[in-house]
């Protein structure tokens, strides 16, 4: 096995893991934002019938 190929595979694996982590964090953030907006709109509806 040549070392350059191994390093390339290792780098691509690290990149995939990092992008997966970033995707999960962004997804959590957007879901939290949506749930906060829904809770605020519900509270607003209760306050002003």
Protein backbone atom coordinates (compact mmCIF):
# COMPACT_ATOMS: atom_id res chain seq x y z
CA UNK A 1 0.00 0.00 0.00
CA UNK A 2 1.34 3.45 -0.80
CA UNK A 3 1.20 5.93 2.05
CA UNK A 4 -0.27 8.77 -0.03
CA UNK A 5 -3.38 6.70 -0.77
CA UNK A 6 -3.80 5.80 2.91
CA UNK A 7 -3.46 9.45 3.92
CA UNK A 8 -6.02 10.47 1.29
CA UNK A 9 -8.52 7.88 2.55
CA UNK A 10 -7.93 8.95 6.15
CA UNK A 11 -8.43 12.62 5.24
CA UNK A 12 -11.66 11.88 3.37
CA UNK A 13 -12.97 9.87 6.34
CA UNK A 14 -12.21 12.77 8.68
CA UNK A 15 -13.93 15.16 6.28
CA UNK A 16 -17.04 12.95 6.13
CA UNK A 17 -17.20 12.67 9.91
CA UNK A 18 -16.81 16.44 10.30
CA UNK A 19 -19.52 17.18 7.74
CA UNK A 20 -21.85 14.69 9.46
CA UNK A 21 -21.24 16.42 12.80
CA UNK A 22 -21.85 19.83 11.24
CA UNK A 23 -25.05 18.59 9.58
CA UNK A 24 -26.36 17.22 12.87
CA UNK A 25 -25.55 20.45 14.72
CA UNK A 26 -27.22 22.59 12.05
CA UNK A 27 -30.26 20.30 12.10
CA UNK A 28 -30.56 20.52 15.89
CA UNK A 29 -30.25 24.31 15.71
CA UNK A 30 -32.95 24.70 13.06
CA UNK A 31 -35.31 22.29 14.85
CA UNK A 32 -34.83 24.18 18.13
CA UNK A 33 -35.52 27.48 16.35
CA UNK A 34 -38.72 26.08 14.79
CA UNK A 35 -39.97 24.70 18.12
CA UNK A 36 -39.22 28.02 19.86
CA UNK A 37 -41.15 29.90 17.17
CA UNK A 38 -44.11 27.50 17.53
CA UNK A 39 -44.11 27.92 21.33
CA UNK A 40 -43.97 31.71 21.00
CA UNK A 41 -46.86 31.76 18.52
CA UNK A 42 -48.93 29.51 20.81
CA UNK A 43 -48.25 31.78 23.78
CA UNK A 44 -49.14 34.81 21.68
CA UNK A 45 -52.42 33.14 20.68
CA UNK A 46 -53.25 32.46 24.34
CA UNK A 47 -52.39 35.99 25.41
CA UNK A 48 -54.46 37.71 22.69
CA UNK A 49 -57.61 35.63 22.07
